[in-house]
C-alpha atoms as a PDB file:
ATOM      1  CA  MET A   1      89.055 129.958  74.472  1.00  0.00           C
ATOM      2  CA  LEU A   2      86.610 127.899  72.408  1.00  0.00           C
ATOM      3  CA  ILE A   3      88.073 126.721  69.093  1.00  0.00           C
ATOM      4  CA  GLN A   4      85.937 124.708  66.714  1.00  0.00           C
ATOM      5  CA  ASN A   5      88.650 123.700  64.254  1.00  0.00           C
ATOM      6  CA  PRO A   6      92.131 123.972  65.775  1.00  0.00           C
ATOM      7  CA  THR A   7      95.217 123.865  63.607  1.00  0.00           C
ATOM      8  CA  HIS A   8      97.941 121.288  64.225  1.00  0.00           C
ATOM      9  CA  SER A   9      99.893 123.746  66.383  1.00  0.00           C
ATOM     10  CA  GLU A  10      96.784 124.885  68.283  1.00  0.00           C
ATOM     11  CA  LEU A  11      95.913 121.293  69.101  1.00  0.00           C
ATOM     12  CA  ALA A  12      99.468 120.497  70.206  1.00  0.00           C
ATOM     13  CA  ALA A  13      99.499 123.565  72.439  1.00  0.00           C
ATOM     14  CA  ARG A  14      96.470 122.236  74.340  1.00  0.00           C
ATOM     15  CA  ILE A  15      97.941 118.804  75.066  1.00  0.00           C
ATOM     16  CA  GLU A  16      99.506 117.886  78.408  1.00  0.00           C
ATOM     17  CA  HIS A  17     101.558 114.780  77.634  1.00  0.00           C
ATOM     18  CA  THR A  18     100.988 112.511  80.618  1.00  0.00           C
ATOM     19  CA  LEU A  19     102.793 109.650  82.334  1.00  0.00           C
ATOM     20  CA  LEU A  20     101.480 108.930  85.826  1.00  0.00           C
ATOM     21  CA  ARG A  21     101.964 105.166  86.084  1.00  0.00           C
ATOM     22  CA  ALA A  22     103.612 104.122  89.327  1.00  0.00           C
ATOM     23  CA  ASP A  23     106.064 101.893  87.443  1.00  0.00           C
ATOM     24  CA  ALA A  24     107.218 104.549  84.960  1.00  0.00           C
ATOM     25  CA  THR A  25     111.004 104.410  84.561  1.00  0.00           C
ATOM     26  CA  SER A  26     113.396 107.314  84.108  1.00  0.00           C
ATOM     27  CA  GLN A  27     113.899 106.202  80.512  1.00  0.00           C
ATOM     28  CA  GLU A  28     110.162 106.478  79.914  1.00  0.00           C
ATOM     29  CA  ILE A  29     110.135 109.965  81.443  1.00  0.00           C
ATOM     30  CA  GLU A  30     112.989 110.927  79.126  1.00  0.00           C
ATOM     31  CA  ARG A  31     110.979 109.699  76.140  1.00  0.00           C
ATOM     32  CA  LEU A  32     107.893 111.573  77.365  1.00  0.00           C
ATOM     33  CA  CYS A  33     109.850 114.824  77.589  1.00  0.00           C
ATOM     34  CA  GLU A  34     111.496 114.348  74.205  1.00  0.00           C
ATOM     35  CA  GLU A  35     108.121 113.712  72.574  1.00  0.00           C
ATOM     36  CA  ALA A  36     106.672 116.793  74.270  1.00  0.00           C
ATOM     37  CA  ARG A  37     109.579 118.943  73.116  1.00  0.00           C
ATOM     38  CA  ARG A  38     109.483 117.603  69.557  1.00  0.00           C
ATOM     39  CA  ASN A  39     105.710 118.056  69.208  1.00  0.00           C
ATOM     40  CA  CYS A  40     105.507 121.427  71.019  1.00  0.00           C
ATOM     41  CA  PHE A  41     103.014 120.172  73.594  1.00  0.00           C
ATOM     42  CA  HIS A  42     101.948 122.567  76.328  1.00  0.00           C
ATOM     43  CA  ALA A  43     103.358 120.404  79.103  1.00  0.00           C
ATOM     44  CA  VAL A  44     104.271 117.043  80.503  1.00  0.00           C
ATOM     45  CA  CYS A  45     102.326 115.808  83.534  1.00  0.00           C
ATOM     46  CA  VAL A  46     104.244 113.610  85.985  1.00  0.00           C
ATOM     47  CA  ASN A  47     104.238 112.396  89.565  1.00  0.00           C
ATOM     48  CA  GLY A  48     106.057 114.467  92.163  1.00  0.00           C
ATOM     49  CA  GLY A  49     109.036 112.131  92.280  1.00  0.00           C
ATOM     50  CA  ARG A  50     109.750 112.804  88.596  1.00  0.00           C
ATOM     51  CA  VAL A  51     109.401 116.597  88.610  1.00  0.00           C
ATOM     52  CA  GLU A  52     113.103 117.377  88.984  1.00  0.00           C
ATOM     53  CA  LEU A  53     114.049 114.997  86.165  1.00  0.00           C
ATOM     54  CA  ALA A  54     111.393 116.403  83.834  1.00  0.00           C
ATOM     55  CA  HIS A  55     112.369 119.967  84.693  1.00  0.00           C
ATOM     56  CA  HIS A  56     116.015 119.190  83.899  1.00  0.00           C
ATOM     57  CA  LEU A  57     115.140 117.499  80.613  1.00  0.00           C
ATOM     58  CA  LEU A  58     112.931 120.382  79.487  1.00  0.00           C
ATOM     59  CA  GLU A  59     115.247 123.256  80.350  1.00  0.00           C
ATOM     60  CA  ASN A  60     115.587 125.743  77.514  1.00  0.00           C
ATOM     61  CA  SER A  61     112.245 124.667  76.038  1.00  0.00           C
ATOM     62  CA  ASP A  62     108.744 126.108  76.202  1.00  0.00           C
ATOM     63  CA  VAL A  63     107.273 122.841  77.537  1.00  0.00           C
ATOM     64  CA  LYS A  64     106.039 123.166  81.107  1.00  0.00           C
ATOM     65  CA  VAL A  65     106.146 120.589  83.906  1.00  0.00           C
ATOM     66  CA  VAL A  66     102.850 119.782  85.616  1.00  0.00           C
ATOM     67  CA  ALA A  67     102.986 117.924  88.942  1.00  0.00           C
ATOM     68  CA  VAL A  68     100.130 116.085  90.621  1.00  0.00           C
ATOM     69  CA  ALA A  69      99.255 116.359  94.331  1.00  0.00           C
ATOM     70  CA  GLY A  70      96.969 114.145  96.397  1.00  0.00           C
ATOM     71  CA  PHE A  71      97.027 111.770  93.460  1.00  0.00           C
ATOM     72  CA  PRO A  72      95.062 109.702  92.578  1.00  0.00           C
ATOM     73  CA  LEU A  73      92.610 109.382  95.471  1.00  0.00           C
ATOM     74  CA  GLY A  74      92.443 112.909  96.875  1.00  0.00           C
ATOM     75  CA  ALA A  75      91.940 111.490 100.364  1.00  0.00           C
ATOM     76  CA  SER A  76      95.256 112.462 101.956  1.00  0.00           C
ATOM     77  CA  ASP A  77      95.555 115.001 104.760  1.00  0.00           C
ATOM     78  CA  PRO A  78      95.396 118.629 103.561  1.00  0.00           C
ATOM     79  CA  ASP A  79      98.868 119.314 104.959  1.00  0.00           C
ATOM     80  CA  ILE A  80     100.272 116.539 102.768  1.00  0.00           C
ATOM     81  CA  LYS A  81      98.761 118.075  99.641  1.00  0.00           C
ATOM     82  CA  ARG A  82     100.251 121.423 100.591  1.00  0.00           C
ATOM     83  CA  TYR A  83     103.667 119.867 101.186  1.00  0.00           C
ATOM     84  CA  GLU A  84     103.511 117.982  97.885  1.00  0.00           C
ATOM     85  CA  THR A  85     102.740 121.262  96.156  1.00  0.00           C
ATOM     86  CA  GLU A  86     105.632 123.061  97.851  1.00  0.00           C
ATOM     87  CA  ALA A  87     108.021 120.226  96.979  1.00  0.00           C
ATOM     88  CA  ALA A  88     106.860 120.217  93.351  1.00  0.00           C
ATOM     89  CA  VAL A  89     107.397 123.974  93.092  1.00  0.00           C
ATOM     90  CA  ASP A  90     110.887 123.587  94.563  1.00  0.00           C
ATOM     91  CA  GLY A  91     111.570 120.865  91.989  1.00  0.00           C
ATOM     92  CA  GLY A  92     110.632 123.072  89.062  1.00  0.00           C
ATOM     93  CA  ALA A  93     106.929 122.450  88.470  1.00  0.00           C
ATOM     94  CA  SER A  94     105.120 125.189  86.553  1.00  0.00           C
ATOM     95  CA  GLU A  95     101.583 123.967  87.290  1.00  0.00           C
ATOM     96  CA  ILE A  96      99.853 121.771  89.891  1.00  0.00           C
ATOM     97  CA  ASP A  97      97.023 119.277  89.355  1.00  0.00           C
ATOM     98  CA  VAL A  98      95.495 118.467  92.750  1.00  0.00           C
ATOM     99  CA  VAL A  99      92.766 115.921  93.466  1.00  0.00           C
ATOM    100  CA  ILE A 100      89.823 117.243  95.441  1.00  0.00           C
ATOM    101  CA  ASN A 101      88.778 115.289  98.531  1.00  0.00           C
ATOM    102  CA  ILE A 102      86.002 113.360  96.805  1.00  0.00           C
ATOM    103  CA  GLY A 103      84.568 111.791  99.942  1.00  0.00           C
ATOM    104  CA  ARG A 104      84.278 115.114 101.732  1.00  0.00           C
ATOM    105  CA  LEU A 105      82.725 116.630  98.634  1.00  0.00           C
ATOM    106  CA  ARG A 106      80.059 113.927  98.688  1.00  0.00           C
ATOM    107  CA  ASP A 107      79.574 114.708 102.388  1.00  0.00           C
ATOM    108  CA  GLY A 108      78.928 118.321 101.475  1.00  0.00           C
ATOM    109  CA  ALA A 109      81.894 119.518 103.577  1.00  0.00           C
ATOM    110  CA  THR A 110      82.405 122.607 101.465  1.00  0.00           C
ATOM    111  CA  LYS A 111      84.261 124.719 104.028  1.00  0.00           C
ATOM    112  CA  SER A 112      86.993 122.170 104.681  1.00  0.00           C
ATOM    113  CA  ILE A 113      87.465 121.498 100.967  1.00  0.00           C
ATOM    114  CA  LEU A 114      87.662 125.200 100.186  1.00  0.00           C
ATOM    115  CA  ARG A 115      90.245 125.727 102.927  1.00  0.00           C
ATOM    116  CA  GLU A 116      92.330 122.811 101.615  1.00  0.00           C
ATOM    117  CA  LEU A 117      92.282 124.075  98.034  1.00  0.00           C
ATOM    118  CA  ARG A 118      93.135 127.623  99.082  1.00  0.00           C
ATOM    119  CA  ASP A 119      96.167 126.224 100.922  1.00  0.00           C
ATOM    120  CA  VAL A 120      97.295 124.458  97.752  1.00  0.00           C
ATOM    121  CA  VAL A 121      96.773 127.602  95.676  1.00  0.00           C
ATOM    122  CA  GLU A 122      98.843 129.568  98.184  1.00  0.00           C
ATOM    123  CA  ALA A 123     101.595 126.936  98.151  1.00  0.00           C
ATOM    124  CA  ALA A 124     101.652 127.006  94.351  1.00  0.00           C
ATOM    125  CA  ASP A 125     102.845 130.617  94.628  1.00  0.00           C
ATOM    126  CA  GLU A 126     100.915 132.040  91.664  1.00  0.00           C
ATOM    127  CA  ARG A 127     101.427 128.972  89.489  1.00  0.00           C
ATOM    128  CA  PRO A 128      98.237 127.664  87.851  1.00  0.00           C
ATOM    129  CA  VAL A 129      96.342 125.070  89.908  1.00  0.00           C
ATOM    130  CA  LYS A 130      93.967 122.589  88.297  1.00  0.00           C
ATOM    131  CA  VAL A 131      91.542 120.779  90.589  1.00  0.00           C
ATOM    132  CA  ILE A 132      90.626 117.219  89.619  1.00  0.00           C
ATOM    133  CA  ILE A 133      87.062 116.474  90.688  1.00  0.00           C
ATOM    134  CA  GLU A 134      86.730 112.882  89.337  1.00  0.00           C
ATOM    135  CA  THR A 135      83.432 113.409  87.545  1.00  0.00           C
ATOM    136  CA  SER A 136      82.639 109.689  87.258  1.00  0.00           C
ATOM    137  CA  ALA A 137      82.267 109.526  91.070  1.00  0.00           C
ATOM    138  CA  LEU A 138      79.860 112.463  91.343  1.00  0.00           C
ATOM    139  CA  THR A 139      76.237 113.305  90.697  1.00  0.00           C
ATOM    140  CA  ARG A 140      75.324 116.285  88.557  1.00  0.00           C
ATOM    141  CA  GLU A 141      74.659 118.377  91.654  1.00  0.00           C
ATOM    142  CA  GLN A 142      77.992 117.372  93.183  1.00  0.00           C
ATOM    143  CA  LYS A 143      79.835 118.338  89.987  1.00  0.00           C
ATOM    144  CA  LEU A 144      78.208 121.765  90.090  1.00  0.00           C
ATOM    145  CA  LEU A 145      79.096 122.136  93.773  1.00  0.00           C
ATOM    146  CA  ALA A 146      82.682 121.137  93.022  1.00  0.00           C
ATOM    147  CA  CYS A 147      82.898 123.792  90.305  1.00  0.00           C
ATOM    148  CA  GLU A 148      81.632 126.452  92.697  1.00  0.00           C
ATOM    149  CA  ILE A 149      84.279 125.524  95.273  1.00  0.00           C
ATOM    150  CA  VAL A 150      87.072 125.373  92.701  1.00  0.00           C
ATOM    151  CA  VAL A 151      86.253 128.811  91.339  1.00  0.00           C
ATOM    152  CA  ASP A 152      86.105 130.252  94.875  1.00  0.00           C
ATOM    153  CA  SER A 153      89.433 128.653  95.801  1.00  0.00           C
ATOM    154  CA  GLY A 154      91.541 130.778  93.472  1.00  0.00           C
ATOM    155  CA  ALA A 155      92.486 127.838  91.248  1.00  0.00           C
ATOM    156  CA  GLN A 156      92.576 128.390  87.500  1.00  0.00           C
ATOM    157  CA  PHE A 157      91.130 125.121  86.144  1.00  0.00           C
ATOM    158  CA  VAL A 158      88.668 122.384  86.923  1.00  0.00           C
ATOM    159  CA  LYS A 159      89.784 118.990  85.616  1.00  0.00           C
ATOM    160  CA  THR A 160      87.513 116.057  84.872  1.00  0.00           C
ATOM    161  CA  SER A 161      89.408 112.957  85.944  1.00  0.00           C
ATOM    162  CA  THR A 162      92.545 111.315  87.263  1.00  0.00           C
ATOM    163  CA  GLY A 163      92.428 108.583  84.638  1.00  0.00           C
ATOM    164  CA  PHE A 164      92.489 106.079  87.518  1.00  0.00           C
ATOM    165  CA  GLY A 165      88.772 106.220  88.333  1.00  0.00           C
ATOM    166  CA  THR A 166      85.823 104.346  86.877  1.00  0.00           C
ATOM    167  CA  GLY A 167      85.395 106.762  83.971  1.00  0.00           C
ATOM    168  CA  GLY A 168      87.109 109.551  82.092  1.00  0.00           C
ATOM    169  CA  ALA A 169      86.270 112.744  80.273  1.00  0.00           C
ATOM    170  CA  THR A 170      82.944 112.981  78.469  1.00  0.00           C
ATOM    171  CA  ILE A 171      81.481 115.643  76.217  1.00  0.00           C
ATOM    172  CA  GLU A 172      78.468 115.939  78.510  1.00  0.00           C
ATOM    173  CA  ASP A 173      80.640 116.580  81.571  1.00  0.00           C
ATOM    174  CA  VAL A 174      82.791 119.167  79.807  1.00  0.00           C
ATOM    175  CA  ARG A 175      79.661 121.007  78.683  1.00  0.00           C
ATOM    176  CA  LEU A 176      78.287 120.888  82.226  1.00  0.00           C
ATOM    177  CA  LEU A 177      81.534 122.175  83.709  1.00  0.00           C
ATOM    178  CA  ARG A 178      81.697 124.964  81.141  1.00  0.00           C
ATOM    179  CA  SER A 179      78.145 126.031  81.973  1.00  0.00           C
ATOM    180  CA  ALA A 180      79.094 126.088  85.663  1.00  0.00           C
ATOM    181  CA  VAL A 181      82.413 127.946  85.553  1.00  0.00           C
ATOM    182  CA  GLY A 182      81.688 130.397  82.744  1.00  0.00           C
ATOM    183  CA  SER A 183      83.462 131.208  79.526  1.00  0.00           C
ATOM    184  CA  THR A 184      86.851 132.333  80.853  1.00  0.00           C
ATOM    185  CA  PHE A 185      87.671 129.739  83.540  1.00  0.00           C
ATOM    186  CA  GLY A 186      89.934 126.845  82.544  1.00  0.00           C
ATOM    187  CA  ILE A 187      88.759 123.288  81.913  1.00  0.00           C
ATOM    188  CA  LYS A 188      91.107 120.340  81.500  1.00  0.00           C
ATOM    189  CA  ALA A 189      89.618 117.167  80.053  1.00  0.00           C
ATOM    190  CA  SER A 190      91.479 114.003  80.971  1.00  0.00           C
ATOM    191  CA  GLY A 191      90.897 110.293  81.304  1.00  0.00           C
ATOM    192  CA  GLY A 192      90.502 107.868  78.411  1.00  0.00           C
ATOM    193  CA  ILE A 193      91.273 110.343  75.597  1.00  0.00           C
ATOM    194  CA  ARG A 194      92.917 108.130  73.007  1.00  0.00           C
ATOM    195  CA  THR A 195      91.939 109.485  69.602  1.00  0.00           C
ATOM    196  CA  CYS A 196      92.091 112.749  67.698  1.00  0.00           C
ATOM    197  CA  ASP A 197      88.313 112.717  67.207  1.00  0.00           C
ATOM    198  CA  ALA A 198      87.778 112.431  70.961  1.00  0.00           C
ATOM    199  CA  ALA A 199      90.217 115.257  71.714  1.00  0.00           C
ATOM    200  CA  LEU A 200      88.638 117.564  69.125  1.00  0.00           C
ATOM    201  CA  ALA A 201      85.127 116.799  70.367  1.00  0.00           C
ATOM    202  CA  LEU A 202      86.134 117.706  73.925  1.00  0.00           C
ATOM    203  CA  ILE A 203      87.768 120.936  72.772  1.00  0.00           C
ATOM    204  CA  ARG A 204      84.624 121.865  70.856  1.00  0.00           C
ATOM    205  CA  ALA A 205      82.584 121.111  73.978  1.00  0.00           C
ATOM    206  CA  GLY A 206      84.651 123.625  75.951  1.00  0.00           C
ATOM    207  CA  ALA A 207      87.929 122.036  77.077  1.00  0.00           C
ATOM    208  CA  ASP A 208      90.995 124.291  77.131  1.00  0.00           C
ATOM    209  CA  ARG A 209      93.492 121.513  77.812  1.00  0.00           C
ATOM    210  CA  ILE A 210      93.662 117.813  77.007  1.00  0.00           C
ATOM    211  CA  GLY A 211      95.448 115.486  79.418  1.00  0.00           C
ATOM    212  CA  THR A 212      96.451 112.293  77.643  1.00  0.00           C
ATOM    213  CA  SER A 213      99.197 109.716  77.287  1.00  0.00           C
ATOM    214  CA  ASN A 214      98.302 109.438  73.608  1.00  0.00           C
ATOM    215  CA  GLY A 215      99.322 112.900  72.454  1.00  0.00           C
ATOM    216  CA  VAL A 216     101.716 111.718  69.752  1.00  0.00           C
ATOM    217  CA  ALA A 217      99.134 109.373  68.249  1.00  0.00           C
ATOM    218  CA  ILE A 218      96.477 112.110  68.397  1.00  0.00           C
ATOM    219  CA  LEU A 219      98.643 114.471  66.355  1.00  0.00           C
ATOM    220  CA  GLU A 220      99.511 111.717  63.876  1.00  0.00           C
ATOM    221  CA  GLN A 221      95.788 111.036  63.408  1.00  0.00           C
ATOM    222  CA  TYR A 222      95.189 114.758  62.937  1.00  0.00           C
ATOM    223  CA  ASP A 223      97.819 114.978  60.223  1.00  0.00           C
ATOM    224  CA  ALA A 224      96.417 111.891  58.484  1.00  0.00           C
ATOM    225  CA  SER A 225      92.844 113.191  58.433  1.00  0.00           C
END
């Protein structure tokens, strides 16, 4: 839903507090979850190996656990992405963020990509799936093609970036994705979102969720404005 001027709580409820560094320690995951609980963020977003810990730490809270699959390259075998999804669900994940096979997308291999994403959606067992298309690696036409495949796959969101590519979320890309998927489909903006102004601009452009490791700072900036 498009919101031009979100309240503090509306902004917090759109943030997925993210820690996907390979060297993230259990203590850092604990801090991530505590910050998410304290600030009433929508979710934390973690690697598969940290799903069980995050799920345990967030029991009896409304904060969800988002797990990534095929992260960050998207180039793994489809069966591996499906298994990662199944393992994340078993570990307590409420949502899945899967990276599309970017190389095959650029090849125009739409059927194989669609089959892969449908497998992930099935493995997620009715949990929301967000498909990361890595917009900085794609042409305008490829972004539109990706959106078409994502919508057809049964996923619930298209997501801009992994945060590990050459670029992150932009207002122009969010507007393009919104024009492609329509008014009711989900869009998650992620990658390089460090300030409250940037988060608000992306929400006004059409983003439903904000993936960021700077959620606490963003809310502090909001309150100070």
